[in-house]
């Protein structure tokens, strides 16, 4: 089974030995929203538009390809 968007983010962060606080310091995305992204808890994000922005910023920080993550983000929304 393929990893969810959140699992991909979390695994990439852990592979790079980044803490959530380090990601927050670099991206200014609050830790609770980073946790929501990593746990695939879309409903905990302020809005769909902000969630998409957070996802793009977080993925970019982790040097992950953004288009496939965004595609999976929207497929899983349905």
C-alpha atoms as a PDB file:
ATOM      1  CA  UNK A   1       0.000   0.000   0.000  1.00  0.00           C
ATOM      2  CA  UNK A   2       1.304   3.442  -0.898  1.00  0.00           C
ATOM      3  CA  UNK A   3       2.190   5.898   1.835  1.00  0.00           C
ATOM      4  CA  UNK A   4      -0.282   8.666   2.542  1.00  0.00           C
ATOM      5  CA  UNK A   5       0.735  12.286   2.069  1.00  0.00           C
ATOM      6  CA  UNK A   6       1.197  12.632   5.823  1.00  0.00           C
ATOM      7  CA  UNK A   7       3.335   9.496   6.046  1.00  0.00           C
ATOM      8  CA  UNK A   8       5.548  10.767   3.234  1.00  0.00           C
ATOM      9  CA  UNK A   9       6.049  14.091   5.011  1.00  0.00           C
ATOM     10  CA  UNK A  10       6.767  12.502   8.380  1.00  0.00           C
ATOM     11  CA  UNK A  11       9.136   9.880   6.968  1.00  0.00           C
ATOM     12  CA  UNK A  12      11.046  12.497   4.979  1.00  0.00           C
ATOM     13  CA  UNK A  13      11.352  14.689   8.082  1.00  0.00           C
ATOM     14  CA  UNK A  14      12.585  11.804  10.226  1.00  0.00           C
ATOM     15  CA  UNK A  15      15.079  10.684   7.553  1.00  0.00           C
ATOM     16  CA  UNK A  16      16.561  14.176   7.671  1.00  0.00           C
ATOM     17  CA  UNK A  17      16.582  14.163  11.493  1.00  0.00           C
ATOM     18  CA  UNK A  18      14.474  17.324  11.692  1.00  0.00           C
ATOM     19  CA  UNK A  19      12.294  17.967  14.708  1.00  0.00           C
ATOM     20  CA  UNK A  20       8.887  19.561  14.292  1.00  0.00           C
ATOM     21  CA  UNK A  21      10.286  22.625  16.049  1.00  0.00           C
ATOM     22  CA  UNK A  22      13.080  22.904  13.465  1.00  0.00           C
ATOM     23  CA  UNK A  23      10.521  22.733  10.669  1.00  0.00           C
ATOM     24  CA  UNK A  24       8.436  25.390  12.427  1.00  0.00           C
ATOM     25  CA  UNK A  25      11.484  27.660  12.759  1.00  0.00           C
ATOM     26  CA  UNK A  26      12.237  27.330   9.040  1.00  0.00           C
ATOM     27  CA  UNK A  27       8.694  27.450   7.630  1.00  0.00           C
ATOM     28  CA  UNK A  28       6.727  29.354  10.294  1.00  0.00           C
ATOM     29  CA  UNK A  29       3.983  26.709  10.070  1.00  0.00           C
ATOM     30  CA  UNK A  30       2.705  26.094  13.587  1.00  0.00           C
ATOM     31  CA  UNK A  31       3.634  22.715  15.049  1.00  0.00           C
ATOM     32  CA  UNK A  32      -0.026  21.732  15.473  1.00  0.00           C
ATOM     33  CA  UNK A  33      -0.572  22.229  11.722  1.00  0.00           C
ATOM     34  CA  UNK A  34       2.589  20.290  10.876  1.00  0.00           C
ATOM     35  CA  UNK A  35       1.274  17.466  13.050  1.00  0.00           C
ATOM     36  CA  UNK A  36      -2.101  17.690  11.305  1.00  0.00           C
ATOM     37  CA  UNK A  37      -0.400  17.381   7.918  1.00  0.00           C
ATOM     38  CA  UNK A  38       1.673  14.418   9.060  1.00  0.00           C
ATOM     39  CA  UNK A  39      -1.413  12.706  10.501  1.00  0.00           C
ATOM     40  CA  UNK A  40      -3.558  13.398   7.425  1.00  0.00           C
ATOM     41  CA  UNK A  41      -5.997  15.391   9.568  1.00  0.00           C
ATOM     42  CA  UNK A  42      -7.231  17.874   6.989  1.00  0.00           C
ATOM     43  CA  UNK A  43     -10.143  18.927   9.173  1.00  0.00           C
ATOM     44  CA  UNK A  44      -7.695  20.299  11.780  1.00  0.00           C
ATOM     45  CA  UNK A  45      -6.224  22.797   9.291  1.00  0.00           C
ATOM     46  CA  UNK A  46      -7.640  26.347   9.191  1.00  0.00           C
ATOM     47  CA  UNK A  47      -8.919  26.038   5.603  1.00  0.00           C
ATOM     48  CA  UNK A  48      -8.380  24.014   2.453  1.00  0.00           C
ATOM     49  CA  UNK A  49      -6.457  26.868   0.839  1.00  0.00           C
ATOM     50  CA  UNK A  50      -4.150  27.266   3.831  1.00  0.00           C
ATOM     51  CA  UNK A  51      -3.709  23.501   4.038  1.00  0.00           C
ATOM     52  CA  UNK A  52      -2.581  23.426   0.416  1.00  0.00           C
ATOM     53  CA  UNK A  53      -0.149  26.274   1.108  1.00  0.00           C
ATOM     54  CA  UNK A  54       1.204  24.533   4.210  1.00  0.00           C
ATOM     55  CA  UNK A  55       1.645  21.315   2.235  1.00  0.00           C
ATOM     56  CA  UNK A  56       3.546  23.085  -0.549  1.00  0.00           C
ATOM     57  CA  UNK A  57       5.810  24.913   1.909  1.00  0.00           C
ATOM     58  CA  UNK A  58       6.495  21.822   4.010  1.00  0.00           C
ATOM     59  CA  UNK A  59       7.182  19.615   0.987  1.00  0.00           C
ATOM     60  CA  UNK A  60       9.512  22.248  -0.471  1.00  0.00           C
ATOM     61  CA  UNK A  61      11.407  22.481   2.821  1.00  0.00           C
ATOM     62  CA  UNK A  62      11.861  18.704   2.786  1.00  0.00           C
ATOM     63  CA  UNK A  63      12.889  18.774  -0.909  1.00  0.00           C
ATOM     64  CA  UNK A  64       9.979  16.523  -1.857  1.00  0.00           C
ATOM     65  CA  UNK A  65       8.328  16.753  -5.283  1.00  0.00           C
ATOM     66  CA  UNK A  66       5.274  18.941  -4.789  1.00  0.00           C
ATOM     67  CA  UNK A  67       3.002  17.992  -7.749  1.00  0.00           C
ATOM     68  CA  UNK A  68       2.573  14.316  -6.755  1.00  0.00           C
ATOM     69  CA  UNK A  69       1.825  15.279  -3.155  1.00  0.00           C
ATOM     70  CA  UNK A  70      -0.754  17.840  -4.230  1.00  0.00           C
ATOM     71  CA  UNK A  71      -2.349  15.303  -6.575  1.00  0.00           C
ATOM     72  CA  UNK A  72      -2.581  12.749  -3.768  1.00  0.00           C
ATOM     73  CA  UNK A  73      -3.884  15.467  -1.418  1.00  0.00           C
ATOM     74  CA  UNK A  74      -6.822  16.166  -3.715  1.00  0.00           C
ATOM     75  CA  UNK A  75      -7.504  12.521  -4.595  1.00  0.00           C
ATOM     76  CA  UNK A  76      -7.741  11.647  -0.901  1.00  0.00           C
ATOM     77  CA  UNK A  77     -10.113  14.540  -0.315  1.00  0.00           C
ATOM     78  CA  UNK A  78     -12.845  12.958  -2.433  1.00  0.00           C
END
